[in-house]
């Protein structure tokens, strides 16, 4: 371990120590309480209590510090710093998280996030494209990739294969439905209470057929809430969207960021399709890491906290999901 590595992990090692010490300080108080020292009986007993606590706390501090460096020595983070390269897995076709044939300065949200993290670590950035989550998991397990960033929604089943960071974006299951599949708008001054703002608003509507990425959180959501509707599944969201455009289904279901990206990329779509973007269920978009690598995850979460604190994360979200400058020239 060289001084560069020590300085780098020192940026977030205090965070890890704080996590460990929160339980250690409690242990110190607990041990002392077993002696049942009466603080009202003289200054000497107070000094004994304070001195004993300092000794115990110092012991636990050293133990926590030792535990933290054990985490580092067994962490993928150590390998990355020694090799000088961060390998990030993602789906290169999942716009706008990654943007094929991108404009300069607009490589995609997750590409930009991964590159920024590599810069934070002081290592080279390498992107490796895989089409779906199971391949991300296999690549990380085999050390062909270190982390996965690809608009990934975390869930319990996926957590059996990879460990997730805290969320850096919050999405919802959303839809893009053909306007011809919706009831016609009322004529004249007729007042109606029927509206379509979220995917749940389609629950009482007949004739809706869905296209969705198989085994995704949105697929599970449809199976739970639309048991009587026909659901077409595809290997990726792009194929599901193509199925809706060619008429196989009349409603695309994807995460809200993907729907926003479609509308920003081609504004003419809004003339024939209606977006349903109101939240119905929170979906955490997170980074995926090797199982059990606590220090690596906390290092990344410290990095995320700094991006959030300084407003960079919000600027990136606005850049890719609220503005269309990223759209490649036709």
C-alpha atoms as a PDB file:
ATOM      1  CA  UNK A   1       0.000   0.000   0.000  1.00  0.00           C
ATOM      2  CA  UNK A   2       1.569   3.362  -1.003  1.00  0.00           C
ATOM      3  CA  UNK A   3       0.919   6.877   0.348  1.00  0.00           C
ATOM      4  CA  UNK A   4      -1.353   7.777  -2.560  1.00  0.00           C
ATOM      5  CA  UNK A   5      -3.662   4.895  -1.671  1.00  0.00           C
ATOM      6  CA  UNK A   6      -3.598   5.764   2.042  1.00  0.00           C
ATOM      7  CA  UNK A   7      -4.502   9.372   1.299  1.00  0.00           C
ATOM      8  CA  UNK A   8      -7.339   8.335  -1.021  1.00  0.00           C
ATOM      9  CA  UNK A   9      -9.038   5.875   1.301  1.00  0.00           C
ATOM     10  CA  UNK A  10      -8.503   8.344   4.138  1.00  0.00           C
ATOM     11  CA  UNK A  11     -11.190  10.496   2.515  1.00  0.00           C
ATOM     12  CA  UNK A  12     -13.849   7.983   3.434  1.00  0.00           C
ATOM     13  CA  UNK A  13     -12.172   5.781   6.023  1.00  0.00           C
ATOM     14  CA  UNK A  14     -13.420   8.125   8.768  1.00  0.00           C
ATOM     15  CA  UNK A  15     -16.945   7.330   7.574  1.00  0.00           C
ATOM     16  CA  UNK A  16     -16.274   3.600   7.983  1.00  0.00           C
ATOM     17  CA  UNK A  17     -14.647   4.135  11.385  1.00  0.00           C
ATOM     18  CA  UNK A  18     -17.645   6.177  12.503  1.00  0.00           C
ATOM     19  CA  UNK A  19     -19.927   3.263  11.555  1.00  0.00           C
ATOM     20  CA  UNK A  20     -17.763   0.830  13.509  1.00  0.00           C
ATOM     21  CA  UNK A  21     -17.231   3.125  16.498  1.00  0.00           C
ATOM     22  CA  UNK A  22     -20.916   3.883  16.979  1.00  0.00           C
ATOM     23  CA  UNK A  23     -21.300   0.320  18.273  1.00  0.00           C
ATOM     24  CA  UNK A  24     -17.907   0.310  20.023  1.00  0.00           C
ATOM     25  CA  UNK A  25     -18.660   3.387  22.152  1.00  0.00           C
ATOM     26  CA  UNK A  26     -21.918   1.767  23.227  1.00  0.00           C
ATOM     27  CA  UNK A  27     -19.914  -1.305  24.261  1.00  0.00           C
ATOM     28  CA  UNK A  28     -17.649   0.901  26.401  1.00  0.00           C
ATOM     29  CA  UNK A  29     -20.605   2.405  28.238  1.00  0.00           C
ATOM     30  CA  UNK A  30     -22.154  -1.039  28.675  1.00  0.00           C
ATOM     31  CA  UNK A  31     -19.016  -2.554  30.189  1.00  0.00           C
ATOM     32  CA  UNK A  32     -18.616   0.318  32.634  1.00  0.00           C
ATOM     33  CA  UNK A  33     -22.262   0.177  33.629  1.00  0.00           C
ATOM     34  CA  UNK A  34     -21.717  -3.414  34.776  1.00  0.00           C
ATOM     35  CA  UNK A  35     -19.493  -2.064  37.588  1.00  0.00           C
ATOM     36  CA  UNK A  36     -22.425   0.100  38.848  1.00  0.00           C
ATOM     37  CA  UNK A  37     -20.167   3.016  39.848  1.00  0.00           C
ATOM     38  CA  UNK A  38     -22.021   5.707  41.828  1.00  0.00           C
ATOM     39  CA  UNK A  39     -20.986   9.064  40.342  1.00  0.00           C
ATOM     40  CA  UNK A  40     -22.309  10.965  43.361  1.00  0.00           C
ATOM     41  CA  UNK A  41     -19.662   9.541  45.735  1.00  0.00           C
ATOM     42  CA  UNK A  42     -16.674  11.781  45.165  1.00  0.00           C
ATOM     43  CA  UNK A  43     -14.443  13.188  42.473  1.00  0.00           C
ATOM     44  CA  UNK A  44     -12.113  10.144  42.463  1.00  0.00           C
ATOM     45  CA  UNK A  45     -14.782   7.772  41.309  1.00  0.00           C
ATOM     46  CA  UNK A  46     -15.694  10.199  38.537  1.00  0.00           C
ATOM     47  CA  UNK A  47     -12.059  10.292  37.437  1.00  0.00           C
ATOM     48  CA  UNK A  48     -11.871   6.491  37.542  1.00  0.00           C
ATOM     49  CA  UNK A  49     -14.999   6.281  35.388  1.00  0.00           C
ATOM     50  CA  UNK A  50     -13.709   8.816  32.853  1.00  0.00           C
ATOM     51  CA  UNK A  51     -10.259   7.222  32.712  1.00  0.00           C
ATOM     52  CA  UNK A  52     -11.687   3.737  32.328  1.00  0.00           C
ATOM     53  CA  UNK A  53     -13.970   4.872  29.523  1.00  0.00           C
ATOM     54  CA  UNK A  54     -11.059   6.518  27.672  1.00  0.00           C
ATOM     55  CA  UNK A  55      -8.991   3.327  27.917  1.00  0.00           C
ATOM     56  CA  UNK A  56     -11.856   1.161  26.664  1.00  0.00           C
ATOM     57  CA  UNK A  57     -12.774   3.595  23.904  1.00  0.00           C
ATOM     58  CA  UNK A  58      -9.136   3.793  22.790  1.00  0.00           C
ATOM     59  CA  UNK A  59      -8.969   0.005  22.629  1.00  0.00           C
ATOM     60  CA  UNK A  60     -12.142  -0.202  20.571  1.00  0.00           C
ATOM     61  CA  UNK A  61     -10.919   2.630  18.307  1.00  0.00           C
ATOM     62  CA  UNK A  62      -7.761   0.705  17.470  1.00  0.00           C
ATOM     63  CA  UNK A  63      -9.832  -2.434  16.891  1.00  0.00           C
ATOM     64  CA  UNK A  64     -12.208  -0.552  14.574  1.00  0.00           C
ATOM     65  CA  UNK A  65      -9.260   0.945  12.689  1.00  0.00           C
ATOM     66  CA  UNK A  66      -7.711  -2.510  12.319  1.00  0.00           C
ATOM     67  CA  UNK A  67     -11.053  -3.898  11.035  1.00  0.00           C
ATOM     68  CA  UNK A  68     -11.261  -1.083   8.483  1.00  0.00           C
ATOM     69  CA  UNK A  69      -7.826  -1.829   7.025  1.00  0.00           C
ATOM     70  CA  UNK A  70      -8.729  -5.519   6.898  1.00  0.00           C
ATOM     71  CA  UNK A  71     -11.733  -4.515   4.766  1.00  0.00           C
ATOM     72  CA  UNK A  72      -9.403  -2.524   2.508  1.00  0.00           C
ATOM     73  CA  UNK A  73      -6.899  -5.353   2.031  1.00  0.00           C
ATOM     74  CA  UNK A  74      -9.670  -7.729   0.919  1.00  0.00           C
ATOM     75  CA  UNK A  75     -11.538  -5.112  -1.159  1.00  0.00           C
ATOM     76  CA  UNK A  76     -11.762  -4.857  -4.937  1.00  0.00           C
ATOM     77  CA  UNK A  77     -10.976  -1.173  -4.366  1.00  0.00           C
ATOM     78  CA  UNK A  78      -7.389  -2.104  -3.440  1.00  0.00           C
ATOM     79  CA  UNK A  79      -6.984  -3.995  -6.727  1.00  0.00           C
ATOM     80  CA  UNK A  80      -8.393  -1.068  -8.716  1.00  0.00           C
ATOM     81  CA  UNK A  81      -5.998   1.412  -7.124  1.00  0.00           C
ATOM     82  CA  UNK A  82      -3.014  -0.876  -7.627  1.00  0.00           C
ATOM     83  CA  UNK A  83      -3.874  -1.627 -11.275  1.00  0.00           C
ATOM     84  CA  UNK A  84      -4.882   1.976 -11.980  1.00  0.00           C
ATOM     85  CA  UNK A  85      -8.099   1.099 -13.822  1.00  0.00           C
ATOM     86  CA  UNK A  86     -11.839   1.004 -13.030  1.00  0.00           C
ATOM     87  CA  UNK A  87     -13.870  -1.355 -15.238  1.00  0.00           C
ATOM     88  CA  UNK A  88     -17.558  -0.397 -15.454  1.00  0.00           C
ATOM     89  CA  UNK A  89     -20.228  -2.680 -16.922  1.00  0.00           C
ATOM     90  CA  UNK A  90     -23.365  -1.283 -18.562  1.00  0.00           C
ATOM     91  CA  UNK A  91     -25.753  -1.552 -21.494  1.00  0.00           C
ATOM     92  CA  UNK A  92     -24.441   0.771 -24.207  1.00  0.00           C
ATOM     93  CA  UNK A  93     -27.875   0.973 -25.879  1.00  0.00           C
ATOM     94  CA  UNK A  94     -29.792   2.061 -22.743  1.00  0.00           C
ATOM     95  CA  UNK A  95     -30.364   5.742 -23.514  1.00  0.00           C
ATOM     96  CA  UNK A  96     -29.833   8.228 -22.031  1.00  0.00           C
ATOM     97  CA  UNK A  97     -27.759   6.366 -19.436  1.00  0.00           C
ATOM     98  CA  UNK A  98     -25.418   5.519 -22.324  1.00  0.00           C
ATOM     99  CA  UNK A  99     -25.674   7.211 -25.699  1.00  0.00           C
ATOM    100  CA  UNK A 100     -24.385   5.540 -28.890  1.00  0.00           C
ATOM    101  CA  UNK A 101     -22.694   7.963 -31.325  1.00  0.00           C
ATOM    102  CA  UNK A 102     -22.908  10.619 -28.634  1.00  0.00           C
ATOM    103  CA  UNK A 103     -22.143  14.288 -28.987  1.00  0.00           C
ATOM    104  CA  UNK A 104     -18.976  15.559 -27.339  1.00  0.00           C
ATOM    105  CA  UNK A 105     -19.709  16.197 -23.675  1.00  0.00           C
ATOM    106  CA  UNK A 106     -22.877  14.058 -23.694  1.00  0.00           C
ATOM    107  CA  UNK A 107     -21.778  10.414 -23.285  1.00  0.00           C
ATOM    108  CA  UNK A 108     -24.772   9.471 -21.115  1.00  0.00           C
ATOM    109  CA  UNK A 109     -25.691   9.803 -17.447  1.00  0.00           C
ATOM    110  CA  UNK A 110     -24.096   6.583 -16.179  1.00  0.00           C
ATOM    111  CA  UNK A 111     -21.075   6.889 -18.454  1.00  0.00           C
ATOM    112  CA  UNK A 112     -20.448  10.348 -17.019  1.00  0.00           C
ATOM    113  CA  UNK A 113     -21.015   9.099 -13.457  1.00  0.00           C
ATOM    114  CA  UNK A 114     -18.591   6.182 -13.897  1.00  0.00           C
ATOM    115  CA  UNK A 115     -15.938   8.419 -15.467  1.00  0.00           C
ATOM    116  CA  UNK A 116     -16.282  10.912 -12.609  1.00  0.00           C
ATOM    117  CA  UNK A 117     -15.816   8.106 -10.068  1.00  0.00           C
ATOM    118  CA  UNK A 118     -12.680   6.890 -11.869  1.00  0.00           C
ATOM    119  CA  UNK A 119     -11.336  10.463 -11.792  1.00  0.00           C
ATOM    120  CA  UNK A 120     -12.120  10.631  -8.064  1.00  0.00           C
ATOM    121  CA  UNK A 121     -10.097   7.445  -7.542  1.00  0.00           C
ATOM    122  CA  UNK A 122      -7.319   8.744  -9.773  1.00  0.00           C
ATOM    123  CA  UNK A 123      -7.463   5.771 -12.160  1.00  0.00           C
ATOM    124  CA  UNK A 124      -8.316   5.122 -15.813  1.00  0.00           C
ATOM    125  CA  UNK A 125     -11.917   4.497 -16.828  1.00  0.00           C
ATOM    126  CA  UNK A 126     -12.859   1.493 -18.954  1.00  0.00           C
ATOM    127  CA  UNK A 127     -16.433   0.825 -20.089  1.00  0.00           C
ATOM    128  CA  UNK A 128     -17.520  -2.712 -21.038  1.00  0.00           C
ATOM    129  CA  UNK A 129     -20.944  -3.246 -22.601  1.00  0.00           C
ATOM    130  CA  UNK A 130     -23.216  -6.129 -21.584  1.00  0.00           C
ATOM    131  CA  UNK A 131     -26.899  -6.424 -22.521  1.00  0.00           C
ATOM    132  CA  UNK A 132     -28.508  -7.364 -19.197  1.00  0.00           C
ATOM    133  CA  UNK A 133     -28.190  -7.709 -15.420  1.00  0.00           C
ATOM    134  CA  UNK A 134     -27.178 -11.382 -15.209  1.00  0.00           C
ATOM    135  CA  UNK A 135     -24.204 -10.653 -17.442  1.00  0.00           C
ATOM    136  CA  UNK A 136     -23.243  -7.674 -15.239  1.00  0.00           C
ATOM    137  CA  UNK A 137     -23.297 -10.007 -12.229  1.00  0.00           C
ATOM    138  CA  UNK A 138     -21.206 -12.672 -13.952  1.00  0.00           C
ATOM    139  CA  UNK A 139     -18.659 -10.120 -15.182  1.00  0.00           C
ATOM    140  CA  UNK A 140     -18.222  -8.642 -11.697  1.00  0.00           C
ATOM    141  CA  UNK A 141     -17.933 -12.085 -10.121  1.00  0.00           C
ATOM    142  CA  UNK A 142     -15.219 -13.055 -12.636  1.00  0.00           C
ATOM    143  CA  UNK A 143     -13.451  -9.685 -12.236  1.00  0.00           C
ATOM    144  CA  UNK A 144     -14.068  -8.781 -15.868  1.00  0.00           C
ATOM    145  CA  UNK A 145     -15.805  -5.690 -14.459  1.00  0.00           C
ATOM    146  CA  UNK A 146     -15.600  -3.971 -11.074  1.00  0.00           C
ATOM    147  CA  UNK A 147     -19.008  -2.297 -10.829  1.00  0.00           C
ATOM    148  CA  UNK A 148     -22.156  -1.983 -12.940  1.00  0.00           C
ATOM    149  CA  UNK A 149     -23.853   1.318 -13.778  1.00  0.00           C
ATOM    150  CA  UNK A 150     -26.760   1.008 -16.188  1.00  0.00           C
ATOM    151  CA  UNK A 151     -29.937   2.532 -14.774  1.00  0.00           C
ATOM    152  CA  UNK A 152     -30.173  -0.589 -12.588  1.00  0.00           C
ATOM    153  CA  UNK A 153     -33.220  -0.962 -10.339  1.00  0.00           C
ATOM    154  CA  UNK A 154     -32.328  -2.806  -7.155  1.00  0.00           C
ATOM    155  CA  UNK A 155     -34.557  -5.551  -5.745  1.00  0.00           C
ATOM    156  CA  UNK A 156     -34.324  -8.533  -3.386  1.00  0.00           C
ATOM    157  CA  UNK A 157     -33.786 -11.114  -6.117  1.00  0.00           C
ATOM    158  CA  UNK A 158     -30.956  -9.154  -7.727  1.00  0.00           C
ATOM    159  CA  UNK A 159     -29.327  -8.557  -4.328  1.00  0.00           C
ATOM    160  CA  UNK A 160     -28.605 -12.309  -4.159  1.00  0.00           C
ATOM    161  CA  UNK A 161     -26.066 -11.821  -6.951  1.00  0.00           C
ATOM    162  CA  UNK A 162     -24.653  -8.342  -6.341  1.00  0.00           C
ATOM    163  CA  UNK A 163     -24.579  -5.764  -3.562  1.00  0.00           C
ATOM    164  CA  UNK A 164     -26.217  -2.395  -4.228  1.00  0.00           C
ATOM    165  CA  UNK A 165     -25.191   1.107  -3.212  1.00  0.00           C
ATOM    166  CA  UNK A 166     -27.603   3.698  -1.939  1.00  0.00           C
ATOM    167  CA  UNK A 167     -29.784   5.086  -4.729  1.00  0.00           C
ATOM    168  CA  UNK A 168     -28.492   7.923  -6.879  1.00  0.00           C
ATOM    169  CA  UNK A 169     -31.793   8.294  -8.789  1.00  0.00           C
ATOM    170  CA  UNK A 170     -35.404   7.431  -7.906  1.00  0.00           C
ATOM    171  CA  UNK A 171     -37.669   6.270 -10.743  1.00  0.00           C
ATOM    172  CA  UNK A 172     -41.160   4.787 -11.046  1.00  0.00           C
ATOM    173  CA  UNK A 173     -42.812   2.299 -13.408  1.00  0.00           C
ATOM    174  CA  UNK A 174     -44.078   4.491 -16.244  1.00  0.00           C
ATOM    175  CA  UNK A 175     -45.867   3.988 -19.545  1.00  0.00           C
ATOM    176  CA  UNK A 176     -46.094   5.321 -23.064  1.00  0.00           C
ATOM    177  CA  UNK A 177     -49.497   4.390 -24.492  1.00  0.00           C
ATOM    178  CA  UNK A 178     -50.979   4.966 -27.943  1.00  0.00           C
ATOM    179  CA  UNK A 179     -53.596   7.676 -27.757  1.00  0.00           C
ATOM    180  CA  UNK A 180     -55.864   5.534 -29.944  1.00  0.00           C
ATOM    181  CA  UNK A 181     -56.017   2.995 -27.077  1.00  0.00           C
ATOM    182  CA  UNK A 182     -57.457   5.636 -24.737  1.00  0.00           C
ATOM    183  CA  UNK A 183     -61.086   6.783 -24.667  1.00  0.00           C
ATOM    184  CA  UNK A 184     -61.688   9.805 -26.943  1.00  0.00           C
ATOM    185  CA  UNK A 185     -61.701  13.173 -25.160  1.00  0.00           C
ATOM    186  CA  UNK A 186     -65.182  14.553 -24.343  1.00  0.00           C
ATOM    187  CA  UNK A 187     -66.760  16.972 -26.793  1.00  0.00           C
ATOM    188  CA  UNK A 188     -68.016  20.439 -25.980  1.00  0.00           C
ATOM    189  CA  UNK A 189     -68.227  21.436 -22.319  1.00  0.00           C
ATOM    190  CA  UNK A 190     -68.808  17.959 -20.916  1.00  0.00           C
ATOM    191  CA  UNK A 191     -66.974  17.549 -17.620  1.00  0.00           C
ATOM    192  CA  UNK A 192     -65.240  14.226 -16.986  1.00  0.00           C
ATOM    193  CA  UNK A 193     -63.326  12.989 -13.956  1.00  0.00           C
ATOM    194  CA  UNK A 194     -61.401  10.378 -15.949  1.00  0.00           C
ATOM    195  CA  UNK A 195     -57.729  11.156 -16.427  1.00  0.00           C
ATOM    196  CA  UNK A 196     -54.606   9.229 -17.372  1.00  0.00           C
ATOM    197  CA  UNK A 197     -51.478  10.335 -15.534  1.00  0.00           C
ATOM    198  CA  UNK A 198     -50.014   7.109 -14.136  1.00  0.00           C
ATOM    199  CA  UNK A 199     -49.894   3.500 -15.284  1.00  0.00           C
ATOM    200  CA  UNK A 200     -52.446   2.592 -12.593  1.00  0.00           C
ATOM    201  CA  UNK A 201     -54.998   4.784 -14.365  1.00  0.00           C
ATOM    202  CA  UNK A 202     -55.100   2.075 -17.058  1.00  0.00           C
ATOM    203  CA  UNK A 203     -56.323  -0.616 -14.655  1.00  0.00           C
ATOM    204  CA  UNK A 204     -60.008  -0.228 -15.599  1.00  0.00           C
ATOM    205  CA  UNK A 205     -59.382   0.242 -19.303  1.00  0.00           C
ATOM    206  CA  UNK A 206     -60.002  -2.723 -21.619  1.00  0.00           C
ATOM    207  CA  UNK A 207     -57.897  -3.592 -24.647  1.00  0.00           C
ATOM    208  CA  UNK A 208     -54.520  -2.415 -23.272  1.00  0.00           C
ATOM    209  CA  UNK A 209     -51.630  -4.695 -24.226  1.00  0.00           C
ATOM    210  CA  UNK A 210     -48.209  -4.170 -22.667  1.00  0.00           C
ATOM    211  CA  UNK A 211     -44.634  -4.554 -23.895  1.00  0.00           C
ATOM    212  CA  UNK A 212     -41.950  -4.721 -21.211  1.00  0.00           C
ATOM    213  CA  UNK A 213     -38.447  -5.982 -20.541  1.00  0.00           C
ATOM    214  CA  UNK A 214     -38.639  -9.502 -19.124  1.00  0.00           C
ATOM    215  CA  UNK A 215     -37.755 -10.136 -15.460  1.00  0.00           C
ATOM    216  CA  UNK A 216     -37.512  -6.412 -14.739  1.00  0.00           C
ATOM    217  CA  UNK A 217     -39.171  -4.626 -11.818  1.00  0.00           C
ATOM    218  CA  UNK A 218     -41.741  -3.263 -14.286  1.00  0.00           C
ATOM    219  CA  UNK A 219     -42.521  -6.786 -15.487  1.00  0.00           C
ATOM    220  CA  UNK A 220     -43.165  -7.850 -11.878  1.00  0.00           C
ATOM    221  CA  UNK A 221     -45.333  -4.768 -11.384  1.00  0.00           C
ATOM    222  CA  UNK A 222     -47.497  -5.643 -14.400  1.00  0.00           C
ATOM    223  CA  UNK A 223     -47.891  -9.259 -13.306  1.00  0.00           C
ATOM    224  CA  UNK A 224     -49.108  -8.069  -9.920  1.00  0.00           C
ATOM    225  CA  UNK A 225     -51.412  -5.240 -11.014  1.00  0.00           C
ATOM    226  CA  UNK A 226     -52.602  -6.201 -14.522  1.00  0.00           C
ATOM    227  CA  UNK A 227     -53.313  -9.918 -14.274  1.00  0.00           C
ATOM    228  CA  UNK A 228     -56.008  -9.854 -16.960  1.00  0.00           C
ATOM    229  CA  UNK A 229     -54.043  -7.919 -19.575  1.00  0.00           C
ATOM    230  CA  UNK A 230     -51.843  -9.404 -22.258  1.00  0.00           C
ATOM    231  CA  UNK A 231     -48.163  -8.797 -21.527  1.00  0.00           C
ATOM    232  CA  UNK A 232     -45.441  -9.216 -24.174  1.00  0.00           C
ATOM    233  CA  UNK A 233     -41.900  -9.567 -22.786  1.00  0.00           C
ATOM    234  CA  UNK A 234     -38.598  -8.821 -24.503  1.00  0.00           C
ATOM    235  CA  UNK A 235     -34.893  -9.183 -23.779  1.00  0.00           C
ATOM    236  CA  UNK A 236     -34.430  -5.408 -23.563  1.00  0.00           C
ATOM    237  CA  UNK A 237     -36.514  -2.242 -23.382  1.00  0.00           C
ATOM    238  CA  UNK A 238     -35.513  -1.122 -26.878  1.00  0.00           C
ATOM    239  CA  UNK A 239     -37.078  -4.295 -28.341  1.00  0.00           C
ATOM    240  CA  UNK A 240     -40.217  -3.691 -26.268  1.00  0.00           C
ATOM    241  CA  UNK A 241     -40.461  -0.157 -27.669  1.00  0.00           C
ATOM    242  CA  UNK A 242     -40.052  -1.447 -31.225  1.00  0.00           C
ATOM    243  CA  UNK A 243     -42.918  -3.888 -30.578  1.00  0.00           C
ATOM    244  CA  UNK A 244     -45.177  -1.001 -29.556  1.00  0.00           C
ATOM    245  CA  UNK A 245     -44.204   1.049 -32.604  1.00  0.00           C
ATOM    246  CA  UNK A 246     -44.959  -1.837 -34.978  1.00  0.00           C
ATOM    247  CA  UNK A 247     -48.324  -2.545 -33.328  1.00  0.00           C
ATOM    248  CA  UNK A 248     -47.663  -5.796 -31.458  1.00  0.00           C
ATOM    249  CA  UNK A 249     -48.667  -4.020 -28.233  1.00  0.00           C
ATOM    250  CA  UNK A 250     -50.130  -0.577 -27.609  1.00  0.00           C
ATOM    251  CA  UNK A 251     -48.368   0.374 -24.382  1.00  0.00           C
ATOM    252  CA  UNK A 252     -44.665   0.417 -23.480  1.00  0.00           C
ATOM    253  CA  UNK A 253     -43.798   0.022 -19.789  1.00  0.00           C
ATOM    254  CA  UNK A 254     -40.344   1.140 -18.650  1.00  0.00           C
ATOM    255  CA  UNK A 255     -38.791   3.213 -15.891  1.00  0.00           C
ATOM    256  CA  UNK A 256     -39.724   6.898 -15.954  1.00  0.00           C
ATOM    257  CA  UNK A 257     -36.227   8.021 -16.988  1.00  0.00           C
ATOM    258  CA  UNK A 258     -36.271   5.813 -20.084  1.00  0.00           C
ATOM    259  CA  UNK A 259     -39.695   7.171 -21.091  1.00  0.00           C
ATOM    260  CA  UNK A 260     -38.429  10.732 -20.644  1.00  0.00           C
ATOM    261  CA  UNK A 261     -35.430   9.885 -22.818  1.00  0.00           C
ATOM    262  CA  UNK A 262     -37.668   8.604 -25.639  1.00  0.00           C
ATOM    263  CA  UNK A 263     -39.734  11.806 -25.582  1.00  0.00           C
ATOM    264  CA  UNK A 264     -36.654  14.035 -25.537  1.00  0.00           C
ATOM    265  CA  UNK A 265     -35.031  12.128 -28.393  1.00  0.00           C
ATOM    266  CA  UNK A 266     -38.083  12.367 -30.675  1.00  0.00           C
ATOM    267  CA  UNK A 267     -40.588  15.051 -29.716  1.00  0.00           C
ATOM    268  CA  UNK A 268     -42.960  13.997 -32.500  1.00  0.00           C
ATOM    269  CA  UNK A 269     -43.794  10.854 -30.501  1.00  0.00           C
ATOM    270  CA  UNK A 270     -46.003  12.952 -28.217  1.00  0.00           C
ATOM    271  CA  UNK A 271     -48.475  13.457 -31.072  1.00  0.00           C
ATOM    272  CA  UNK A 272     -49.429   9.743 -31.104  1.00  0.00           C
ATOM    273  CA  UNK A 273     -48.468   8.563 -27.613  1.00  0.00           C
ATOM    274  CA  UNK A 274     -49.328   9.731 -24.126  1.00  0.00           C
ATOM    275  CA  UNK A 275     -46.718   9.462 -21.328  1.00  0.00           C
ATOM    276  CA  UNK A 276     -47.906   8.283 -17.911  1.00  0.00           C
ATOM    277  CA  UNK A 277     -45.181   9.403 -15.526  1.00  0.00           C
ATOM    278  CA  UNK A 278     -46.797   9.994 -12.136  1.00  0.00           C
ATOM    279  CA  UNK A 279     -45.213   7.837  -9.389  1.00  0.00           C
ATOM    280  CA  UNK A 280     -46.888   4.554  -8.471  1.00  0.00           C
ATOM    281  CA  UNK A 281     -43.955   2.702  -6.888  1.00  0.00           C
ATOM    282  CA  UNK A 282     -40.458   3.853  -5.984  1.00  0.00           C
ATOM    283  CA  UNK A 283     -37.618   2.259  -7.941  1.00  0.00           C
ATOM    284  CA  UNK A 284     -34.112   2.896  -6.640  1.00  0.00           C
ATOM    285  CA  UNK A 285     -31.492   3.290  -9.358  1.00  0.00           C
ATOM    286  CA  UNK A 286     -28.234   2.086  -7.810  1.00  0.00           C
ATOM    287  CA  UNK A 287     -24.714   0.942  -8.606  1.00  0.00           C
ATOM    288  CA  UNK A 288     -23.964  -2.791  -8.319  1.00  0.00           C
ATOM    289  CA  UNK A 289     -20.855  -4.097  -6.527  1.00  0.00           C
ATOM    290  CA  UNK A 290     -19.183  -7.395  -5.597  1.00  0.00           C
ATOM    291  CA  UNK A 291     -20.925  -9.154  -2.716  1.00  0.00           C
ATOM    292  CA  UNK A 292     -19.583  -8.318   0.748  1.00  0.00           C
ATOM    293  CA  UNK A 293     -17.278  -5.478  -0.354  1.00  0.00           C
ATOM    294  CA  UNK A 294     -18.316  -2.960   2.320  1.00  0.00           C
ATOM    295  CA  UNK A 295     -15.400  -0.538   1.937  1.00  0.00           C
ATOM    296  CA  UNK A 296     -15.770  -0.315  -1.851  1.00  0.00           C
ATOM    297  CA  UNK A 297     -19.470   0.514  -1.522  1.00  0.00           C
ATOM    298  CA  UNK A 298     -18.892   3.102   1.199  1.00  0.00           C
ATOM    299  CA  UNK A 299     -16.174   4.733  -0.861  1.00  0.00           C
ATOM    300  CA  UNK A 300     -18.607   5.085  -3.771  1.00  0.00           C
ATOM    301  CA  UNK A 301     -21.377   6.339  -1.463  1.00  0.00           C
ATOM    302  CA  UNK A 302     -19.018   8.997  -0.068  1.00  0.00           C
ATOM    303  CA  UNK A 303     -18.363  10.047  -3.673  1.00  0.00           C
ATOM    304  CA  UNK A 304     -22.147  10.197  -4.318  1.00  0.00           C
ATOM    305  CA  UNK A 305     -22.706  12.275  -1.197  1.00  0.00           C
ATOM    306  CA  UNK A 306     -20.163  14.812  -2.431  1.00  0.00           C
ATOM    307  CA  UNK A 307     -21.791  14.981  -5.879  1.00  0.00           C
ATOM    308  CA  UNK A 308     -25.163  15.516  -4.209  1.00  0.00           C
ATOM    309  CA  UNK A 309     -23.837  18.101  -1.734  1.00  0.00           C
ATOM    310  CA  UNK A 310     -22.196  20.172  -4.456  1.00  0.00           C
ATOM    311  CA  UNK A 311     -25.213  19.998  -6.807  1.00  0.00           C
ATOM    312  CA  UNK A 312     -23.365  18.043  -9.517  1.00  0.00           C
ATOM    313  CA  UNK A 313     -25.745  15.077  -9.378  1.00  0.00           C
ATOM    314  CA  UNK A 314     -28.771  17.345  -9.805  1.00  0.00           C
ATOM    315  CA  UNK A 315     -27.108  19.101 -12.763  1.00  0.00           C
ATOM    316  CA  UNK A 316     -26.449  15.733 -14.434  1.00  0.00           C
ATOM    317  CA  UNK A 317     -30.069  14.661 -13.929  1.00  0.00           C
ATOM    318  CA  UNK A 318     -31.278  17.895 -15.480  1.00  0.00           C
ATOM    319  CA  UNK A 319     -28.794  17.554 -18.358  1.00  0.00           C
ATOM    320  CA  UNK A 320     -30.017  14.114 -19.460  1.00  0.00           C
ATOM    321  CA  UNK A 321     -33.639  13.835 -18.311  1.00  0.00           C
ATOM    322  CA  UNK A 322     -35.036  17.361 -18.645  1.00  0.00           C
ATOM    323  CA  UNK A 323     -33.113  18.771 -21.624  1.00  0.00           C
ATOM    324  CA  UNK A 324     -32.569  17.481 -25.149  1.00  0.00           C
ATOM    325  CA  UNK A 325     -29.084  18.805 -25.977  1.00  0.00           C
ATOM    326  CA  UNK A 326     -27.729  15.266 -25.581  1.00  0.00           C
ATOM    327  CA  UNK A 327     -29.789  13.934 -28.519  1.00  0.00           C
ATOM    328  CA  UNK A 328     -27.392  12.887 -31.333  1.00  0.00           C
ATOM    329  CA  UNK A 329     -27.718  14.734 -34.636  1.00  0.00           C
ATOM    330  CA  UNK A 330     -29.797  12.832 -37.208  1.00  0.00           C
END
